[in-house]
Amino acid sequence: MLAPAYDMLPMAFMSERKLELTSLIVDPDLPSGLWIEAYNMALRYWQLLATMPNLSNSFRSISKNMSDYLQNTVYPKISE
């Protein structure tokens, strides 16, 4: 499971901080199938969070940004 609760998320998502997305390192030594599997789970996770009305507007925005980042920056790296 990818972060079952808010308290389990990295400190980058603390409510007092502005989100600055950091680059995700794609390790070329891992098989591409593993990256695609992880990508699909992460994308579903962030897309789901972006639509949850019980989360703050701020965290839904973070979730949308992470979803966009995965699709526009990470996916091109792992689908080569």
PDB file of N, CA and C in Angstrom:
ATOM      1  N   MET A   1       0.849  -1.177   0.000  1.00  0.00           N
ATOM      2  CA  MET A   1       0.000   0.000   0.000  1.00  0.00           C
ATOM      3  C   MET A   1       0.889   1.232   0.000  1.00  0.00           C
ATOM      4  N   LEU A   2       0.462   2.261  -0.682  1.00  0.00           N
ATOM      5  CA  LEU A   2       1.253   3.481  -0.800  1.00  0.00           C
ATOM      6  C   LEU A   2       0.821   4.547   0.198  1.00  0.00           C
ATOM      7  N   ALA A   3       1.199   4.639   1.347  1.00  0.00           N
ATOM      8  CA  ALA A   3       0.829   5.686   2.298  1.00  0.00           C
ATOM      9  C   ALA A   3      -0.643   5.598   2.702  1.00  0.00           C
ATOM     10  N   PRO A   4      -0.974   4.701   3.595  1.00  0.00           N
ATOM     11  CA  PRO A   4      -2.365   4.495   3.993  1.00  0.00           C
ATOM     12  C   PRO A   4      -2.984   5.638   4.792  1.00  0.00           C
ATOM     13  N   ALA A   5      -2.175   6.565   5.263  1.00  0.00           N
ATOM     14  CA  ALA A   5      -2.718   7.667   6.069  1.00  0.00           C
ATOM     15  C   ALA A   5      -1.861   8.911   5.869  1.00  0.00           C
ATOM     16  N   TYR A   6      -2.462  10.061   6.074  1.00  0.00           N
ATOM     17  CA  TYR A   6      -1.745  11.328   5.898  1.00  0.00           C
ATOM     18  C   TYR A   6      -0.451  11.346   6.721  1.00  0.00           C
ATOM     19  N   ASP A   7      -0.492  10.855   7.934  1.00  0.00           N
ATOM     20  CA  ASP A   7       0.680  10.872   8.804  1.00  0.00           C
ATOM     21  C   ASP A   7       1.840  10.066   8.247  1.00  0.00           C
ATOM     22  N   MET A   8       1.567   9.225   7.292  1.00  0.00           N
ATOM     23  CA  MET A   8       2.605   8.378   6.719  1.00  0.00           C
ATOM     24  C   MET A   8       3.283   9.020   5.507  1.00  0.00           C
ATOM     25  N   LEU A   9       2.766  10.133   5.048  1.00  0.00           N
ATOM     26  CA  LEU A   9       3.324  10.769   3.860  1.00  0.00           C
ATOM     27  C   LEU A   9       4.614  11.509   4.199  1.00  0.00           C
ATOM     28  N   PRO A  10       5.448  11.745   3.190  1.00  0.00           N
ATOM     29  CA  PRO A  10       6.696  12.476   3.429  1.00  0.00           C
ATOM     30  C   PRO A  10       6.442  13.874   3.986  1.00  0.00           C
ATOM     31  N   MET A  11       7.413  14.395   4.688  1.00  0.00           N
ATOM     32  CA  MET A  11       7.283  15.713   5.298  1.00  0.00           C
ATOM     33  C   MET A  11       7.105  16.816   4.254  1.00  0.00           C
ATOM     34  N   ALA A  12       7.383  16.547   2.995  1.00  0.00           N
ATOM     35  CA  ALA A  12       7.173  17.543   1.948  1.00  0.00           C
ATOM     36  C   ALA A  12       5.720  17.955   1.862  1.00  0.00           C
ATOM     37  N   PHE A  13       4.808  17.124   2.395  1.00  0.00           N
ATOM     38  CA  PHE A  13       3.389  17.412   2.311  1.00  0.00           C
ATOM     39  C   PHE A  13       2.818  17.991   3.600  1.00  0.00           C
ATOM     40  N   MET A  14       3.677  18.490   4.487  1.00  0.00           N
ATOM     41  CA  MET A  14       3.194  19.145   5.700  1.00  0.00           C
ATOM     42  C   MET A  14       2.329  20.332   5.300  1.00  0.00           C
ATOM     43  N   SER A  15       1.297  20.597   6.050  1.00  0.00           N
ATOM     44  CA  SER A  15       0.370  21.663   5.682  1.00  0.00           C
ATOM     45  C   SER A  15       1.002  23.055   5.741  1.00  0.00           C
ATOM     46  N   GLU A  16       2.074  23.240   6.472  1.00  0.00           N
ATOM     47  CA  GLU A  16       2.697  24.556   6.577  1.00  0.00           C
ATOM     48  C   GLU A  16       3.635  24.855   5.416  1.00  0.00           C
ATOM     49  N   ARG A  17       3.942  23.865   4.611  1.00  0.00           N
ATOM     50  CA  ARG A  17       4.930  24.060   3.539  1.00  0.00           C
ATOM     51  C   ARG A  17       4.242  24.203   2.196  1.00  0.00           C
ATOM     52  N   LYS A  18       4.871  24.955   1.328  1.00  0.00           N
ATOM     53  CA  LYS A  18       4.401  25.008  -0.053  1.00  0.00           C
ATOM     54  C   LYS A  18       5.028  23.828  -0.778  1.00  0.00           C
ATOM     55  N   LEU A  19       4.259  23.231  -1.660  1.00  0.00           N
ATOM     56  CA  LEU A  19       4.755  22.067  -2.382  1.00  0.00           C
ATOM     57  C   LEU A  19       5.723  22.481  -3.469  1.00  0.00           C
ATOM     58  N   GLU A  20       6.908  21.946  -3.401  1.00  0.00           N
ATOM     59  CA  GLU A  20       7.872  22.068  -4.475  1.00  0.00           C
ATOM     60  C   GLU A  20       8.190  20.647  -4.883  1.00  0.00           C
ATOM     61  N   LEU A  21       7.677  20.245  -6.028  1.00  0.00           N
ATOM     62  CA  LEU A  21       7.884  18.876  -6.462  1.00  0.00           C
ATOM     63  C   LEU A  21       9.357  18.638  -6.731  1.00  0.00           C
ATOM     64  N   THR A  22       9.839  17.568  -6.195  1.00  0.00           N
ATOM     65  CA  THR A  22      11.218  17.202  -6.446  1.00  0.00           C
ATOM     66  C   THR A  22      11.246  16.158  -7.543  1.00  0.00           C
ATOM     67  N   SER A  23      12.372  16.031  -8.177  1.00  0.00           N
ATOM     68  CA  SER A  23      12.498  15.045  -9.241  1.00  0.00           C
ATOM     69  C   SER A  23      12.504  13.642  -8.656  1.00  0.00           C
ATOM     70  N   LEU A  24      11.799  12.765  -9.314  1.00  0.00           N
ATOM     71  CA  LEU A  24      11.846  11.362  -8.941  1.00  0.00           C
ATOM     72  C   LEU A  24      12.947  10.713  -9.759  1.00  0.00           C
ATOM     73  N   ILE A  25      13.793   9.958  -9.102  1.00  0.00           N
ATOM     74  CA  ILE A  25      14.888   9.298  -9.803  1.00  0.00           C
ATOM     75  C   ILE A  25      14.388   7.960 -10.324  1.00  0.00           C
ATOM     76  N   VAL A  26      14.541   7.757 -11.607  1.00  0.00           N
ATOM     77  CA  VAL A  26      14.160   6.500 -12.222  1.00  0.00           C
ATOM     78  C   VAL A  26      15.422   5.670 -12.360  1.00  0.00           C
ATOM     79  N   ASP A  27      15.522   4.616 -11.569  1.00  0.00           N
ATOM     80  CA  ASP A  27      16.700   3.742 -11.551  1.00  0.00           C
ATOM     81  C   ASP A  27      16.657   2.813 -12.759  1.00  0.00           C
ATOM     82  N   PRO A  28      17.590   2.977 -13.694  1.00  0.00           N
ATOM     83  CA  PRO A  28      17.559   2.155 -14.905  1.00  0.00           C
ATOM     84  C   PRO A  28      17.871   0.678 -14.652  1.00  0.00           C
ATOM     85  N   ASP A  29      18.354   0.336 -13.466  1.00  0.00           N
ATOM     86  CA  ASP A  29      18.655  -1.060 -13.157  1.00  0.00           C
ATOM     87  C   ASP A  29      17.410  -1.877 -12.840  1.00  0.00           C
ATOM     88  N   LEU A  30      16.301  -1.214 -12.562  1.00  0.00           N
ATOM     89  CA  LEU A  30      15.060  -1.929 -12.285  1.00  0.00           C
ATOM     90  C   LEU A  30      14.347  -2.228 -13.592  1.00  0.00           C
ATOM     91  N   PRO A  31      13.751  -3.393 -13.700  1.00  0.00           N
ATOM     92  CA  PRO A  31      13.023  -3.730 -14.928  1.00  0.00           C
ATOM     93  C   PRO A  31      11.893  -2.741 -15.194  1.00  0.00           C
ATOM     94  N   SER A  32      11.688  -2.396 -16.455  1.00  0.00           N
ATOM     95  CA  SER A  32      10.673  -1.401 -16.799  1.00  0.00           C
ATOM     96  C   SER A  32       9.275  -1.836 -16.360  1.00  0.00           C
ATOM     97  N   GLY A  33       9.009  -3.151 -16.335  1.00  0.00           N
ATOM     98  CA  GLY A  33       7.712  -3.633 -15.890  1.00  0.00           C
ATOM     99  C   GLY A  33       7.403  -3.228 -14.460  1.00  0.00           C
ATOM    100  N   LEU A  34       8.423  -3.206 -13.607  1.00  0.00           N
ATOM    101  CA  LEU A  34       8.221  -2.773 -12.218  1.00  0.00           C
ATOM    102  C   LEU A  34       7.882  -1.294 -12.147  1.00  0.00           C
ATOM    103  N   TRP A  35       8.545  -0.488 -12.966  1.00  0.00           N
ATOM    104  CA  TRP A  35       8.264   0.942 -12.992  1.00  0.00           C
ATOM    105  C   TRP A  35       6.840   1.197 -13.453  1.00  0.00           C
ATOM    106  N   ILE A  36       6.402   0.492 -14.499  1.00  0.00           N
ATOM    107  CA  ILE A  36       5.047   0.686 -15.020  1.00  0.00           C
ATOM    108  C   ILE A  36       4.014   0.288 -13.969  1.00  0.00           C
ATOM    109  N   GLU A  37       4.268  -0.816 -13.281  1.00  0.00           N
ATOM    110  CA  GLU A  37       3.343  -1.263 -12.230  1.00  0.00           C
ATOM    111  C   GLU A  37       3.257  -0.234 -11.103  1.00  0.00           C
ATOM    112  N   ALA A  38       4.397   0.263 -10.660  1.00  0.00           N
ATOM    113  CA  ALA A  38       4.423   1.271  -9.596  1.00  0.00           C
ATOM    114  C   ALA A  38       3.774   2.573 -10.073  1.00  0.00           C
ATOM    115  N   TYR A  39       4.043   2.937 -11.301  1.00  0.00           N
ATOM    116  CA  TYR A  39       3.451   4.148 -11.873  1.00  0.00           C
ATOM    117  C   TYR A  39       1.929   4.051 -11.872  1.00  0.00           C
ATOM    118  N   ASN A  40       1.395   2.929 -12.328  1.00  0.00           N
ATOM    119  CA  ASN A  40      -0.059   2.763 -12.384  1.00  0.00           C
ATOM    120  C   ASN A  40      -0.694   2.859 -11.002  1.00  0.00           C
ATOM    121  N   MET A  41      -0.058   2.245  -9.995  1.00  0.00           N
ATOM    122  CA  MET A  41      -0.594   2.334  -8.629  1.00  0.00           C
ATOM    123  C   MET A  41      -0.524   3.763  -8.103  1.00  0.00           C
ATOM    124  N   ALA A  42       0.614   4.420  -8.320  1.00  0.00           N
ATOM    125  CA  ALA A  42       0.790   5.788  -7.826  1.00  0.00           C
ATOM    126  C   ALA A  42      -0.178   6.749  -8.515  1.00  0.00           C
ATOM    127  N   LEU A  43      -0.359   6.580  -9.811  1.00  0.00           N
ATOM    128  CA  LEU A  43      -1.267   7.458 -10.536  1.00  0.00           C
ATOM    129  C   LEU A  43      -2.702   7.299 -10.036  1.00  0.00           C
ATOM    130  N   ARG A  44      -3.143   6.073  -9.847  1.00  0.00           N
ATOM    131  CA  ARG A  44      -4.494   5.850  -9.318  1.00  0.00           C
ATOM    132  C   ARG A  44      -4.638   6.470  -7.931  1.00  0.00           C
ATOM    133  N   TYR A  45      -3.606   6.298  -7.110  1.00  0.00           N
ATOM    134  CA  TYR A  45      -3.610   6.844  -5.748  1.00  0.00           C
ATOM    135  C   TYR A  45      -3.791   8.363  -5.764  1.00  0.00           C
ATOM    136  N   TRP A  46      -2.957   9.086  -6.522  1.00  0.00           N
ATOM    137  CA  TRP A  46      -3.012  10.535  -6.538  1.00  0.00           C
ATOM    138  C   TRP A  46      -4.284  11.032  -7.201  1.00  0.00           C
ATOM    139  N   GLN A  47      -4.765  10.337  -8.235  1.00  0.00           N
ATOM    140  CA  GLN A  47      -6.017  10.740  -8.873  1.00  0.00           C
ATOM    141  C   GLN A  47      -7.197  10.575  -7.913  1.00  0.00           C
ATOM    142  N   LEU A  48      -7.195   9.499  -7.144  1.00  0.00           N
ATOM    143  CA  LEU A  48      -8.260   9.283  -6.157  1.00  0.00           C
ATOM    144  C   LEU A  48      -8.244  10.381  -5.099  1.00  0.00           C
ATOM    145  N   LEU A  49      -7.059  10.677  -4.574  1.00  0.00           N
ATOM    146  CA  LEU A  49      -6.969  11.723  -3.547  1.00  0.00           C
ATOM    147  C   LEU A  49      -7.436  13.071  -4.075  1.00  0.00           C
ATOM    148  N   ALA A  50      -7.155  13.357  -5.328  1.00  0.00           N
ATOM    149  CA  ALA A  50      -7.530  14.648  -5.911  1.00  0.00           C
ATOM    150  C   ALA A  50      -9.045  14.832  -5.974  1.00  0.00           C
ATOM    151  N   THR A  51      -9.796  13.752  -5.857  1.00  0.00           N
ATOM    152  CA  THR A  51     -11.257  13.845  -5.949  1.00  0.00           C
ATOM    153  C   THR A  51     -11.975  13.661  -4.616  1.00  0.00           C
ATOM    154  N   MET A  52     -11.232  13.449  -3.550  1.00  0.00           N
ATOM    155  CA  MET A  52     -11.850  13.167  -2.256  1.00  0.00           C
ATOM    156  C   MET A  52     -12.298  14.462  -1.566  1.00  0.00           C
ATOM    157  N   PRO A  53     -13.607  14.619  -1.366  1.00  0.00           N
ATOM    158  CA  PRO A  53     -14.113  15.858  -0.782  1.00  0.00           C
ATOM    159  C   PRO A  53     -13.730  16.058   0.686  1.00  0.00           C
ATOM    160  N   ASN A  54     -13.349  14.993   1.378  1.00  0.00           N
ATOM    161  CA  ASN A  54     -12.996  15.134   2.792  1.00  0.00           C
ATOM    162  C   ASN A  54     -11.546  15.591   2.993  1.00  0.00           C
ATOM    163  N   LEU A  55     -10.796  15.773   1.917  1.00  0.00           N
ATOM    164  CA  LEU A  55      -9.450  16.335   2.021  1.00  0.00           C
ATOM    165  C   LEU A  55      -9.522  17.844   1.795  1.00  0.00           C
ATOM    166  N   SER A  56      -8.549  18.545   2.307  1.00  0.00           N
ATOM    167  CA  SER A  56      -8.528  19.999   2.125  1.00  0.00           C
ATOM    168  C   SER A  56      -8.316  20.348   0.654  1.00  0.00           C
ATOM    169  N   ASN A  57      -8.749  21.536   0.293  1.00  0.00           N
ATOM    170  CA  ASN A  57      -8.502  22.013  -1.070  1.00  0.00           C
ATOM    171  C   ASN A  57      -7.019  22.009  -1.387  1.00  0.00           C
ATOM    172  N   SER A  58      -6.223  22.387  -0.405  1.00  0.00           N
ATOM    173  CA  SER A  58      -4.779  22.437  -0.581  1.00  0.00           C
ATOM    174  C   SER A  58      -4.210  21.057  -0.906  1.00  0.00           C
ATOM    175  N   PHE A  59      -4.641  20.042  -0.159  1.00  0.00           N
ATOM    176  CA  PHE A  59      -4.080  18.717  -0.406  1.00  0.00           C
ATOM    177  C   PHE A  59      -4.654  18.101  -1.682  1.00  0.00           C
ATOM    178  N   ARG A  60      -5.879  18.432  -2.028  1.00  0.00           N
ATOM    179  CA  ARG A  60      -6.405  17.974  -3.320  1.00  0.00           C
ATOM    180  C   ARG A  60      -5.607  18.589  -4.455  1.00  0.00           C
ATOM    181  N   SER A  61      -5.203  19.824  -4.293  1.00  0.00           N
ATOM    182  CA  SER A  61      -4.368  20.485  -5.300  1.00  0.00           C
ATOM    183  C   SER A  61      -2.993  19.808  -5.403  1.00  0.00           C
ATOM    184  N   ILE A  62      -2.413  19.492  -4.267  1.00  0.00           N
ATOM    185  CA  ILE A  62      -1.139  18.754  -4.252  1.00  0.00           C
ATOM    186  C   ILE A  62      -1.311  17.429  -4.984  1.00  0.00           C
ATOM    187  N   SER A  63      -2.406  16.751  -4.722  1.00  0.00           N
ATOM    188  CA  SER A  63      -2.660  15.458  -5.352  1.00  0.00           C
ATOM    189  C   SER A  63      -2.781  15.596  -6.863  1.00  0.00           C
ATOM    190  N   LYS A  64      -3.478  16.632  -7.309  1.00  0.00           N
ATOM    191  CA  LYS A  64      -3.603  16.885  -8.751  1.00  0.00           C
ATOM    192  C   LYS A  64      -2.243  17.177  -9.357  1.00  0.00           C
ATOM    193  N   ASN A  65      -1.438  17.980  -8.668  1.00  0.00           N
ATOM    194  CA  ASN A  65      -0.091  18.292  -9.162  1.00  0.00           C
ATOM    195  C   ASN A  65       0.771  17.038  -9.252  1.00  0.00           C
ATOM    196  N   MET A  66       0.662  16.162  -8.268  1.00  0.00           N
ATOM    197  CA  MET A  66       1.444  14.921  -8.303  1.00  0.00           C
ATOM    198  C   MET A  66       0.991  14.032  -9.451  1.00  0.00           C
ATOM    199  N   SER A  67      -0.297  13.960  -9.676  1.00  0.00           N
ATOM    200  CA  SER A  67      -0.839  13.183 -10.793  1.00  0.00           C
ATOM    201  C   SER A  67      -0.304  13.722 -12.117  1.00  0.00           C
ATOM    202  N   ASP A  68      -0.343  15.036 -12.280  1.00  0.00           N
ATOM    203  CA  ASP A  68       0.174  15.658 -13.502  1.00  0.00           C
ATOM    204  C   ASP A  68       1.671  15.396 -13.662  1.00  0.00           C
ATOM    205  N   TYR A  69       2.403  15.505 -12.559  1.00  0.00           N
ATOM    206  CA  TYR A  69       3.851  15.267 -12.591  1.00  0.00           C
ATOM    207  C   TYR A  69       4.146  13.835 -13.033  1.00  0.00           C
ATOM    208  N   LEU A  70       3.416  12.889 -12.474  1.00  0.00           N
ATOM    209  CA  LEU A  70       3.624  11.495 -12.866  1.00  0.00           C
ATOM    210  C   LEU A  70       3.379  11.301 -14.361  1.00  0.00           C
ATOM    211  N   GLN A  71       2.289  11.867 -14.851  1.00  0.00           N
ATOM    212  CA  GLN A  71       1.925  11.674 -16.250  1.00  0.00           C
ATOM    213  C   GLN A  71       2.862  12.402 -17.209  1.00  0.00           C
ATOM    214  N   ASN A  72       3.277  13.606 -16.855  1.00  0.00           N
ATOM    215  CA  ASN A  72       4.039  14.441 -17.782  1.00  0.00           C
ATOM    216  C   ASN A  72       5.551  14.340 -17.648  1.00  0.00           C
ATOM    217  N   THR A  73       6.027  13.927 -16.481  1.00  0.00           N
ATOM    218  CA  THR A  73       7.473  13.874 -16.265  1.00  0.00           C
ATOM    219  C   THR A  73       7.979  12.449 -16.047  1.00  0.00           C
ATOM    220  N   VAL A  74       7.302  11.701 -15.192  1.00  0.00           N
ATOM    221  CA  VAL A  74       7.781  10.356 -14.867  1.00  0.00           C
ATOM    222  C   VAL A  74       7.469   9.366 -15.984  1.00  0.00           C
ATOM    223  N   TYR A  75       6.234   9.370 -16.460  1.00  0.00           N
ATOM    224  CA  TYR A  75       5.848   8.370 -17.465  1.00  0.00           C
ATOM    225  C   TYR A  75       6.743   8.395 -18.706  1.00  0.00           C
ATOM    226  N   PRO A  76       7.069   9.567 -19.245  1.00  0.00           N
ATOM    227  CA  PRO A  76       7.959   9.563 -20.405  1.00  0.00           C
ATOM    228  C   PRO A  76       9.322   8.906 -20.126  1.00  0.00           C
ATOM    229  N   LYS A  77       9.808   9.018 -18.902  1.00  0.00           N
ATOM    230  CA  LYS A  77      11.102   8.411 -18.539  1.00  0.00           C
ATOM    231  C   LYS A  77      11.011   6.884 -18.486  1.00  0.00           C
ATOM    232  N   ILE A  78       9.888   6.368 -18.012  1.00  0.00           N
ATOM    233  CA  ILE A  78       9.796   4.925 -17.817  1.00  0.00           C
ATOM    234  C   ILE A  78       9.232   4.204 -19.026  1.00  0.00           C
ATOM    235  N   SER A  79       8.686   4.934 -19.969  1.00  0.00           N
ATOM    236  CA  SER A  79       8.068   4.268 -21.120  1.00  0.00           C
ATOM    237  C   SER A  79       8.990   4.241 -22.337  1.00  0.00           C
ATOM    238  N   GLU A  80      10.214   4.666 -22.154  1.00  0.00           N
ATOM    239  CA  GLU A  80      11.178   4.683 -23.278  1.00  0.00           C
ATOM    240  C   GLU A  80      11.556   3.283 -23.683  1.00  0.00           C
TER     241      GLU A  80
END
